[in-house]
Amino acid sequence: APVTAAPAPVTSAPVAAPSILDIVVNSPDFSILVTAVQATNLTAALSGNNSITLFAPTNAAFSALGNDTIASLLNDTATLTQILLYHVVGG
């Protein structure tokens, strides 16, 4: 009887899951959030492979605040940081 070789195992490098920052940057629904994250220097916190959940407000949610409020928050990064961190939970 002919002897056949076992098929070679298929291996591939693990694909890293996208970070929260990767997801929001690549979605047009979160452009205001991206601007807010950049203004508060929270990009590093959201770009890592951390075990966090972000309840990400969409542009529609930010727009409900009105342009004056958004502009005011972008200029008050301490308050904006507190608001954004309120939307982050561990796990």
PDB file of N, CA and C in Angstrom:
ATOM      1  N   ALA A   1       0.854  -1.177   0.000  1.00  0.00           N
ATOM      2  CA  ALA A   1       0.000   0.000   0.000  1.00  0.00           C
ATOM      3  C   ALA A   1       0.891   1.228   0.000  1.00  0.00           C
ATOM      4  N   PRO A   2       0.498   2.259  -0.741  1.00  0.00           N
ATOM      5  CA  PRO A   2       1.305   3.482  -0.775  1.00  0.00           C
ATOM      6  C   PRO A   2       1.264   4.190   0.577  1.00  0.00           C
ATOM      7  N   VAL A   3       2.383   4.804   0.911  1.00  0.00           N
ATOM      8  CA  VAL A   3       2.474   5.571   2.157  1.00  0.00           C
ATOM      9  C   VAL A   3       2.300   7.040   1.808  1.00  0.00           C
ATOM     10  N   THR A   4       1.387   7.673   2.498  1.00  0.00           N
ATOM     11  CA  THR A   4       1.178   9.108   2.250  1.00  0.00           C
ATOM     12  C   THR A   4       1.619   9.893   3.479  1.00  0.00           C
ATOM     13  N   ALA A   5       2.152  11.040   3.215  1.00  0.00           N
ATOM     14  CA  ALA A   5       2.613  11.906   4.302  1.00  0.00           C
ATOM     15  C   ALA A   5       1.423  12.666   4.875  1.00  0.00           C
ATOM     16  N   ALA A   6       1.482  12.866   6.155  1.00  0.00           N
ATOM     17  CA  ALA A   6       0.431  13.673   6.798  1.00  0.00           C
ATOM     18  C   ALA A   6       0.573  15.109   6.336  1.00  0.00           C
ATOM     19  N   PRO A   7      -0.550  15.788   6.182  1.00  0.00           N
ATOM     20  CA  PRO A   7      -0.450  17.194   5.757  1.00  0.00           C
ATOM     21  C   PRO A   7       0.277  18.023   6.812  1.00  0.00           C
ATOM     22  N   ALA A   8       1.021  18.971   6.324  1.00  0.00           N
ATOM     23  CA  ALA A   8       1.764  19.856   7.230  1.00  0.00           C
ATOM     24  C   ALA A   8       0.774  20.738   7.983  1.00  0.00           C
ATOM     25  N   PRO A   9       1.005  20.966   9.273  1.00  0.00           N
ATOM     26  CA  PRO A   9       0.096  21.844  10.019  1.00  0.00           C
ATOM     27  C   PRO A   9       0.184  23.264   9.477  1.00  0.00           C
ATOM     28  N   VAL A  10      -0.938  23.910   9.478  1.00  0.00           N
ATOM     29  CA  VAL A  10      -1.003  25.295   9.016  1.00  0.00           C
ATOM     30  C   VAL A  10      -0.820  26.189  10.231  1.00  0.00           C
ATOM     31  N   THR A  11       0.150  27.040  10.154  1.00  0.00           N
ATOM     32  CA  THR A  11       0.376  27.990  11.249  1.00  0.00           C
ATOM     33  C   THR A  11       0.364  29.401  10.687  1.00  0.00           C
ATOM     34  N   SER A  12      -0.084  30.290  11.509  1.00  0.00           N
ATOM     35  CA  SER A  12      -0.041  31.701  11.119  1.00  0.00           C
ATOM     36  C   SER A  12       0.193  32.519  12.372  1.00  0.00           C
ATOM     37  N   ALA A  13       0.728  33.666  12.160  1.00  0.00           N
ATOM     38  CA  ALA A  13       0.970  34.569  13.286  1.00  0.00           C
ATOM     39  C   ALA A  13      -0.378  35.056  13.808  1.00  0.00           C
ATOM     40  N   PRO A  14      -0.501  35.156  15.104  1.00  0.00           N
ATOM     41  CA  PRO A  14      -1.773  35.651  15.640  1.00  0.00           C
ATOM     42  C   PRO A  14      -2.019  37.085  15.183  1.00  0.00           C
ATOM     43  N   VAL A  15      -3.249  37.357  14.872  1.00  0.00           N
ATOM     44  CA  VAL A  15      -3.629  38.692  14.441  1.00  0.00           C
ATOM     45  C   VAL A  15      -4.084  39.468  15.669  1.00  0.00           C
ATOM     46  N   ALA A  16      -3.450  40.581  15.886  1.00  0.00           N
ATOM     47  CA  ALA A  16      -3.808  41.399  17.047  1.00  0.00           C
ATOM     48  C   ALA A  16      -5.190  42.018  16.838  1.00  0.00           C
ATOM     49  N   ALA A  17      -5.976  41.974  17.874  1.00  0.00           N
ATOM     50  CA  ALA A  17      -7.293  42.610  17.807  1.00  0.00           C
ATOM     51  C   ALA A  17      -7.091  44.119  17.737  1.00  0.00           C
ATOM     52  N   PRO A  18      -7.948  44.806  17.011  1.00  0.00           N
ATOM     53  CA  PRO A  18      -7.793  46.265  16.944  1.00  0.00           C
ATOM     54  C   PRO A  18      -8.045  46.882  18.317  1.00  0.00           C
ATOM     55  N   SER A  19      -7.345  47.953  18.599  1.00  0.00           N
ATOM     56  CA  SER A  19      -7.556  48.671  19.860  1.00  0.00           C
ATOM     57  C   SER A  19      -8.848  49.478  19.755  1.00  0.00           C
ATOM     58  N   ILE A  20      -9.290  49.966  20.891  1.00  0.00           N
ATOM     59  CA  ILE A  20     -10.473  50.833  20.884  1.00  0.00           C
ATOM     60  C   ILE A  20     -10.206  52.050  20.013  1.00  0.00           C
ATOM     61  N   LEU A  21      -9.009  52.601  20.117  1.00  0.00           N
ATOM     62  CA  LEU A  21      -8.681  53.767  19.299  1.00  0.00           C
ATOM     63  C   LEU A  21      -8.738  53.427  17.818  1.00  0.00           C
ATOM     64  N   ASP A  22      -8.225  52.254  17.425  1.00  0.00           N
ATOM     65  CA  ASP A  22      -8.290  51.836  16.020  1.00  0.00           C
ATOM     66  C   ASP A  22      -9.738  51.819  15.528  1.00  0.00           C
ATOM     67  N   ILE A  23     -10.617  51.296  16.361  1.00  0.00           N
ATOM     68  CA  ILE A  23     -12.021  51.165  15.964  1.00  0.00           C
ATOM     69  C   ILE A  23     -12.671  52.527  15.782  1.00  0.00           C
ATOM     70  N   VAL A  24     -12.498  53.423  16.744  1.00  0.00           N
ATOM     71  CA  VAL A  24     -13.170  54.728  16.642  1.00  0.00           C
ATOM     72  C   VAL A  24     -12.550  55.612  15.562  1.00  0.00           C
ATOM     73  N   VAL A  25     -11.247  55.513  15.373  1.00  0.00           N
ATOM     74  CA  VAL A  25     -10.597  56.316  14.326  1.00  0.00           C
ATOM     75  C   VAL A  25     -11.102  55.907  12.942  1.00  0.00           C
ATOM     76  N   ASN A  26     -11.403  54.640  12.776  1.00  0.00           N
ATOM     77  CA  ASN A  26     -11.833  54.138  11.465  1.00  0.00           C
ATOM     78  C   ASN A  26     -13.339  54.151  11.266  1.00  0.00           C
ATOM     79  N   SER A  27     -14.062  54.810  12.137  1.00  0.00           N
ATOM     80  CA  SER A  27     -15.513  54.926  11.993  1.00  0.00           C
ATOM     81  C   SER A  27     -15.900  56.396  11.925  1.00  0.00           C
ATOM     82  N   PRO A  28     -16.580  56.783  10.867  1.00  0.00           N
ATOM     83  CA  PRO A  28     -16.971  58.194  10.748  1.00  0.00           C
ATOM     84  C   PRO A  28     -17.959  58.635  11.828  1.00  0.00           C
ATOM     85  N   ASP A  29     -18.613  57.691  12.510  1.00  0.00           N
ATOM     86  CA  ASP A  29     -19.586  58.038  13.548  1.00  0.00           C
ATOM     87  C   ASP A  29     -18.941  58.524  14.843  1.00  0.00           C
ATOM     88  N   PHE A  30     -17.612  58.415  14.936  1.00  0.00           N
ATOM     89  CA  PHE A  30     -16.928  58.776  16.176  1.00  0.00           C
ATOM     90  C   PHE A  30     -15.880  59.871  15.990  1.00  0.00           C
ATOM     91  N   SER A  31     -15.990  60.684  14.962  1.00  0.00           N
ATOM     92  CA  SER A  31     -14.949  61.688  14.690  1.00  0.00           C
ATOM     93  C   SER A  31     -14.851  62.736  15.798  1.00  0.00           C
ATOM     94  N   ILE A  32     -15.968  63.115  16.399  1.00  0.00           N
ATOM     95  CA  ILE A  32     -15.908  64.096  17.491  1.00  0.00           C
ATOM     96  C   ILE A  32     -15.243  63.458  18.715  1.00  0.00           C
ATOM     97  N   LEU A  33     -15.551  62.192  18.978  1.00  0.00           N
ATOM     98  CA  LEU A  33     -14.907  61.481  20.075  1.00  0.00           C
ATOM     99  C   LEU A  33     -13.399  61.421  19.860  1.00  0.00           C
ATOM    100  N   VAL A  34     -12.973  61.144  18.641  1.00  0.00           N
ATOM    101  CA  VAL A  34     -11.536  61.083  18.343  1.00  0.00           C
ATOM    102  C   VAL A  34     -10.891  62.440  18.628  1.00  0.00           C
ATOM    103  N   THR A  35     -11.540  63.511  18.221  1.00  0.00           N
ATOM    104  CA  THR A  35     -11.024  64.851  18.501  1.00  0.00           C
ATOM    105  C   THR A  35     -10.916  65.085  20.008  1.00  0.00           C
ATOM    106  N   ALA A  36     -11.932  64.648  20.757  1.00  0.00           N
ATOM    107  CA  ALA A  36     -11.927  64.812  22.207  1.00  0.00           C
ATOM    108  C   ALA A  36     -10.822  63.985  22.856  1.00  0.00           C
ATOM    109  N   VAL A  37     -10.643  62.758  22.396  1.00  0.00           N
ATOM    110  CA  VAL A  37      -9.594  61.889  22.932  1.00  0.00           C
ATOM    111  C   VAL A  37      -8.225  62.495  22.664  1.00  0.00           C
ATOM    112  N   GLN A  38      -8.030  63.034  21.473  1.00  0.00           N
ATOM    113  CA  GLN A  38      -6.755  63.667  21.138  1.00  0.00           C
ATOM    114  C   GLN A  38      -6.529  64.922  21.981  1.00  0.00           C
ATOM    115  N   ALA A  39      -7.583  65.699  22.211  1.00  0.00           N
ATOM    116  CA  ALA A  39      -7.458  66.932  22.995  1.00  0.00           C
ATOM    117  C   ALA A  39      -7.087  66.640  24.444  1.00  0.00           C
ATOM    118  N   THR A  40      -7.487  65.478  24.957  1.00  0.00           N
ATOM    119  CA  THR A  40      -7.241  65.141  26.354  1.00  0.00           C
ATOM    120  C   THR A  40      -6.046  64.215  26.535  1.00  0.00           C
ATOM    121  N   ASN A  41      -5.333  63.946  25.473  1.00  0.00           N
ATOM    122  CA  ASN A  41      -4.161  63.058  25.516  1.00  0.00           C
ATOM    123  C   ASN A  41      -4.489  61.662  26.053  1.00  0.00           C
ATOM    124  N   LEU A  42      -5.677  61.160  25.734  1.00  0.00           N
ATOM    125  CA  LEU A  42      -6.062  59.812  26.147  1.00  0.00           C
ATOM    126  C   LEU A  42      -5.812  58.781  25.052  1.00  0.00           C
ATOM    127  N   THR A  43      -5.123  59.192  23.991  1.00  0.00           N
ATOM    128  CA  THR A  43      -4.897  58.262  22.877  1.00  0.00           C
ATOM    129  C   THR A  43      -4.112  57.040  23.312  1.00  0.00           C
ATOM    130  N   ALA A  44      -3.103  57.204  24.154  1.00  0.00           N
ATOM    131  CA  ALA A  44      -2.301  56.060  24.586  1.00  0.00           C
ATOM    132  C   ALA A  44      -3.140  55.073  25.393  1.00  0.00           C
ATOM    133  N   ALA A  45      -4.020  55.601  26.234  1.00  0.00           N
ATOM    134  CA  ALA A  45      -4.855  54.733  27.069  1.00  0.00           C
ATOM    135  C   ALA A  45      -5.807  53.888  26.229  1.00  0.00           C
ATOM    136  N   LEU A  46      -6.251  54.438  25.103  1.00  0.00           N
ATOM    137  CA  LEU A  46      -7.205  53.714  24.259  1.00  0.00           C
ATOM    138  C   LEU A  46      -6.544  52.950  23.119  1.00  0.00           C
ATOM    139  N   SER A  47      -5.242  53.130  22.943  1.00  0.00           N
ATOM    140  CA  SER A  47      -4.578  52.455  21.828  1.00  0.00           C
ATOM    141  C   SER A  47      -3.877  51.178  22.258  1.00  0.00           C
ATOM    142  N   GLY A  48      -3.786  50.949  23.545  1.00  0.00           N
ATOM    143  CA  GLY A  48      -3.137  49.736  24.025  1.00  0.00           C
ATOM    144  C   GLY A  48      -4.057  48.537  23.961  1.00  0.00           C
ATOM    145  N   ASN A  49      -3.536  47.425  24.397  1.00  0.00           N
ATOM    146  CA  ASN A  49      -4.316  46.194  24.426  1.00  0.00           C
ATOM    147  C   ASN A  49      -4.863  46.008  25.832  1.00  0.00           C
ATOM    148  N   ASN A  50      -5.457  47.068  26.363  1.00  0.00           N
ATOM    149  CA  ASN A  50      -5.984  47.066  27.719  1.00  0.00           C
ATOM    150  C   ASN A  50      -7.310  46.330  27.778  1.00  0.00           C
ATOM    151  N   SER A  51      -7.631  45.852  28.932  1.00  0.00           N
ATOM    152  CA  SER A  51      -8.908  45.185  29.137  1.00  0.00           C
ATOM    153  C   SER A  51      -9.896  46.223  29.673  1.00  0.00           C
ATOM    154  N   ILE A  52     -10.382  47.068  28.764  1.00  0.00           N
ATOM    155  CA  ILE A  52     -11.332  48.111  29.140  1.00  0.00           C
ATOM    156  C   ILE A  52     -12.504  48.103  28.173  1.00  0.00           C
ATOM    157  N   THR A  53     -13.588  48.692  28.624  1.00  0.00           N
ATOM    158  CA  THR A  53     -14.759  48.886  27.780  1.00  0.00           C
ATOM    159  C   THR A  53     -15.011  50.386  27.701  1.00  0.00           C
ATOM    160  N   LEU A  54     -15.222  50.871  26.501  1.00  0.00           N
ATOM    161  CA  LEU A  54     -15.538  52.278  26.286  1.00  0.00           C
ATOM    162  C   LEU A  54     -16.969  52.381  25.798  1.00  0.00           C
ATOM    163  N   PHE A  55     -17.790  53.081  26.546  1.00  0.00           N
ATOM    164  CA  PHE A  55     -19.138  53.390  26.093  1.00  0.00           C
ATOM    165  C   PHE A  55     -18.995  54.662  25.259  1.00  0.00           C
ATOM    166  N   ALA A  56     -18.767  54.454  23.972  1.00  0.00           N
ATOM    167  CA  ALA A  56     -18.338  55.524  23.077  1.00  0.00           C
ATOM    168  C   ALA A  56     -19.518  56.354  22.573  1.00  0.00           C
ATOM    169  N   PRO A  57     -19.543  57.621  22.948  1.00  0.00           N
ATOM    170  CA  PRO A  57     -20.594  58.486  22.419  1.00  0.00           C
ATOM    171  C   PRO A  57     -20.360  58.780  20.935  1.00  0.00           C
ATOM    172  N   THR A  58     -21.408  58.647  20.169  1.00  0.00           N
ATOM    173  CA  THR A  58     -21.325  58.907  18.725  1.00  0.00           C
ATOM    174  C   THR A  58     -21.372  60.412  18.462  1.00  0.00           C
ATOM    175  N   ASN A  59     -21.148  60.761  17.194  1.00  0.00           N
ATOM    176  CA  ASN A  59     -21.259  62.167  16.808  1.00  0.00           C
ATOM    177  C   ASN A  59     -22.661  62.695  17.108  1.00  0.00           C
ATOM    178  N   ALA A  60     -23.684  61.857  16.929  1.00  0.00           N
ATOM    179  CA  ALA A  60     -25.062  62.292  17.214  1.00  0.00           C
ATOM    180  C   ALA A  60     -25.221  62.653  18.684  1.00  0.00           C
ATOM    181  N   ALA A  61     -24.602  61.878  19.571  1.00  0.00           N
ATOM    182  CA  ALA A  61     -24.681  62.175  21.000  1.00  0.00           C
ATOM    183  C   ALA A  61     -23.973  63.490  21.319  1.00  0.00           C
ATOM    184  N   PHE A  62     -22.791  63.675  20.754  1.00  0.00           N
ATOM    185  CA  PHE A  62     -22.078  64.939  20.973  1.00  0.00           C
ATOM    186  C   PHE A  62     -22.870  66.104  20.391  1.00  0.00           C
ATOM    187  N   SER A  63     -23.461  65.923  19.216  1.00  0.00           N
ATOM    188  CA  SER A  63     -24.198  67.003  18.561  1.00  0.00           C
ATOM    189  C   SER A  63     -25.387  67.459  19.397  1.00  0.00           C
ATOM    190  N   ALA A  64     -25.950  66.545  20.184  1.00  0.00           N
ATOM    191  CA  ALA A  64     -27.070  66.917  21.053  1.00  0.00           C
ATOM    192  C   ALA A  64     -26.652  67.953  22.087  1.00  0.00           C
ATOM    193  N   LEU A  65     -25.351  68.019  22.367  1.00  0.00           N
ATOM    194  CA  LEU A  65     -24.844  69.020  23.311  1.00  0.00           C
ATOM    195  C   LEU A  65     -24.820  70.419  22.713  1.00  0.00           C
ATOM    196  N   GLY A  66     -24.728  70.495  21.409  1.00  0.00           N
ATOM    197  CA  GLY A  66     -24.618  71.779  20.723  1.00  0.00           C
ATOM    198  C   GLY A  66     -23.161  72.153  20.500  1.00  0.00           C
ATOM    199  N   ASN A  67     -22.918  72.895  19.450  1.00  0.00           N
ATOM    200  CA  ASN A  67     -21.554  73.263  19.071  1.00  0.00           C
ATOM    201  C   ASN A  67     -20.842  74.103  20.118  1.00  0.00           C
ATOM    202  N   ASP A  68     -21.570  74.999  20.792  1.00  0.00           N
ATOM    203  CA  ASP A  68     -20.938  75.850  21.813  1.00  0.00           C
ATOM    204  C   ASP A  68     -20.429  75.004  22.979  1.00  0.00           C
ATOM    205  N   THR A  69     -21.234  74.027  23.395  1.00  0.00           N
ATOM    206  CA  THR A  69     -20.827  73.161  24.507  1.00  0.00           C
ATOM    207  C   THR A  69     -19.644  72.300  24.108  1.00  0.00           C
ATOM    208  N   ILE A  70     -19.684  71.769  22.899  1.00  0.00           N
ATOM    209  CA  ILE A  70     -18.565  70.945  22.414  1.00  0.00           C
ATOM    210  C   ILE A  70     -17.284  71.780  22.394  1.00  0.00           C
ATOM    211  N   ALA A  71     -17.361  72.979  21.845  1.00  0.00           N
ATOM    212  CA  ALA A  71     -16.186  73.854  21.779  1.00  0.00           C
ATOM    213  C   ALA A  71     -15.683  74.192  23.183  1.00  0.00           C
ATOM    214  N   SER A  72     -16.592  74.448  24.100  1.00  0.00           N
ATOM    215  CA  SER A  72     -16.217  74.761  25.472  1.00  0.00           C
ATOM    216  C   SER A  72     -15.501  73.579  26.126  1.00  0.00           C
ATOM    217  N   LEU A  73     -16.024  72.368  25.922  1.00  0.00           N
ATOM    218  CA  LEU A  73     -15.386  71.178  26.494  1.00  0.00           C
ATOM    219  C   LEU A  73     -14.004  70.934  25.898  1.00  0.00           C
ATOM    220  N   LEU A  74     -13.856  71.160  24.608  1.00  0.00           N
ATOM    221  CA  LEU A  74     -12.557  70.963  23.969  1.00  0.00           C
ATOM    222  C   LEU A  74     -11.516  71.941  24.514  1.00  0.00           C
ATOM    223  N   ASN A  75     -11.988  73.081  25.033  1.00  0.00           N
ATOM    224  CA  ASN A  75     -11.083  74.056  25.637  1.00  0.00           C
ATOM    225  C   ASN A  75     -10.877  73.825  27.128  1.00  0.00           C
ATOM    226  N   ASP A  76     -11.717  73.005  27.736  1.00  0.00           N
ATOM    227  CA  ASP A  76     -11.608  72.678  29.157  1.00  0.00           C
ATOM    228  C   ASP A  76     -11.259  71.193  29.260  1.00  0.00           C
ATOM    229  N   THR A  77      -9.999  70.896  28.993  1.00  0.00           N
ATOM    230  CA  THR A  77      -9.603  69.487  28.893  1.00  0.00           C
ATOM    231  C   THR A  77      -9.691  68.734  30.222  1.00  0.00           C
ATOM    232  N   ALA A  78      -9.612  69.429  31.343  1.00  0.00           N
ATOM    233  CA  ALA A  78      -9.749  68.751  32.643  1.00  0.00           C
ATOM    234  C   ALA A  78     -11.160  68.183  32.797  1.00  0.00           C
ATOM    235  N   THR A  79     -12.154  68.999  32.500  1.00  0.00           N
ATOM    236  CA  THR A  79     -13.549  68.538  32.579  1.00  0.00           C
ATOM    237  C   THR A  79     -13.815  67.480  31.521  1.00  0.00           C
ATOM    238  N   LEU A  80     -13.317  67.710  30.317  1.00  0.00           N
ATOM    239  CA  LEU A  80     -13.527  66.756  29.230  1.00  0.00           C
ATOM    240  C   LEU A  80     -12.897  65.408  29.565  1.00  0.00           C
ATOM    241  N   THR A  81     -11.734  65.420  30.170  1.00  0.00           N
ATOM    242  CA  THR A  81     -11.082  64.171  30.568  1.00  0.00           C
ATOM    243  C   THR A  81     -11.955  63.408  31.563  1.00  0.00           C
ATOM    244  N   GLN A  82     -12.508  64.113  32.549  1.00  0.00           N
ATOM    245  CA  GLN A  82     -13.386  63.469  33.522  1.00  0.00           C
ATOM    246  C   GLN A  82     -14.608  62.850  32.850  1.00  0.00           C
ATOM    247  N   ILE A  83     -15.183  63.576  31.910  1.00  0.00           N
ATOM    248  CA  ILE A  83     -16.372  63.078  31.205  1.00  0.00           C
ATOM    249  C   ILE A  83     -16.019  61.832  30.393  1.00  0.00           C
ATOM    250  N   LEU A  84     -14.906  61.884  29.673  1.00  0.00           N
ATOM    251  CA  LEU A  84     -14.517  60.729  28.851  1.00  0.00           C
ATOM    252  C   LEU A  84     -14.197  59.522  29.722  1.00  0.00           C
ATOM    253  N   LEU A  85     -13.494  59.732  30.831  1.00  0.00           N
ATOM    254  CA  LEU A  85     -13.134  58.610  31.703  1.00  0.00           C
ATOM    255  C   LEU A  85     -14.374  58.009  32.372  1.00  0.00           C
ATOM    256  N   TYR A  86     -15.430  58.780  32.523  1.00  0.00           N
ATOM    257  CA  TYR A  86     -16.696  58.278  33.044  1.00  0.00           C
ATOM    258  C   TYR A  86     -17.271  57.206  32.111  1.00  0.00           C
ATOM    259  N   HIS A  87     -16.913  57.264  30.825  1.00  0.00           N
ATOM    260  CA  HIS A  87     -17.397  56.329  29.820  1.00  0.00           C
ATOM    261  C   HIS A  87     -16.512  55.088  29.678  1.00  0.00           C
ATOM    262  N   VAL A  88     -15.490  54.953  30.530  1.00  0.00           N
ATOM    263  CA  VAL A  88     -14.557  53.824  30.459  1.00  0.00           C
ATOM    264  C   VAL A  88     -14.681  52.997  31.738  1.00  0.00           C
ATOM    265  N   VAL A  89     -14.800  51.685  31.544  1.00  0.00           N
ATOM    266  CA  VAL A  89     -14.810  50.778  32.695  1.00  0.00           C
ATOM    267  C   VAL A  89     -13.822  49.655  32.433  1.00  0.00           C
ATOM    268  N   GLY A  90     -13.259  49.138  33.505  1.00  0.00           N
ATOM    269  CA  GLY A  90     -12.334  48.019  33.372  1.00  0.00           C
ATOM    270  C   GLY A  90     -13.072  46.738  32.993  1.00  0.00           C
ATOM    271  N   GLY A  91     -12.397  45.946  32.162  1.00  0.00           N
ATOM    272  CA  GLY A  91     -12.961  44.642  31.806  1.00  0.00           C
ATOM    273  C   GLY A  91     -13.666  44.595  30.505  1.00  0.00           C
TER     274      GLY A  91
END
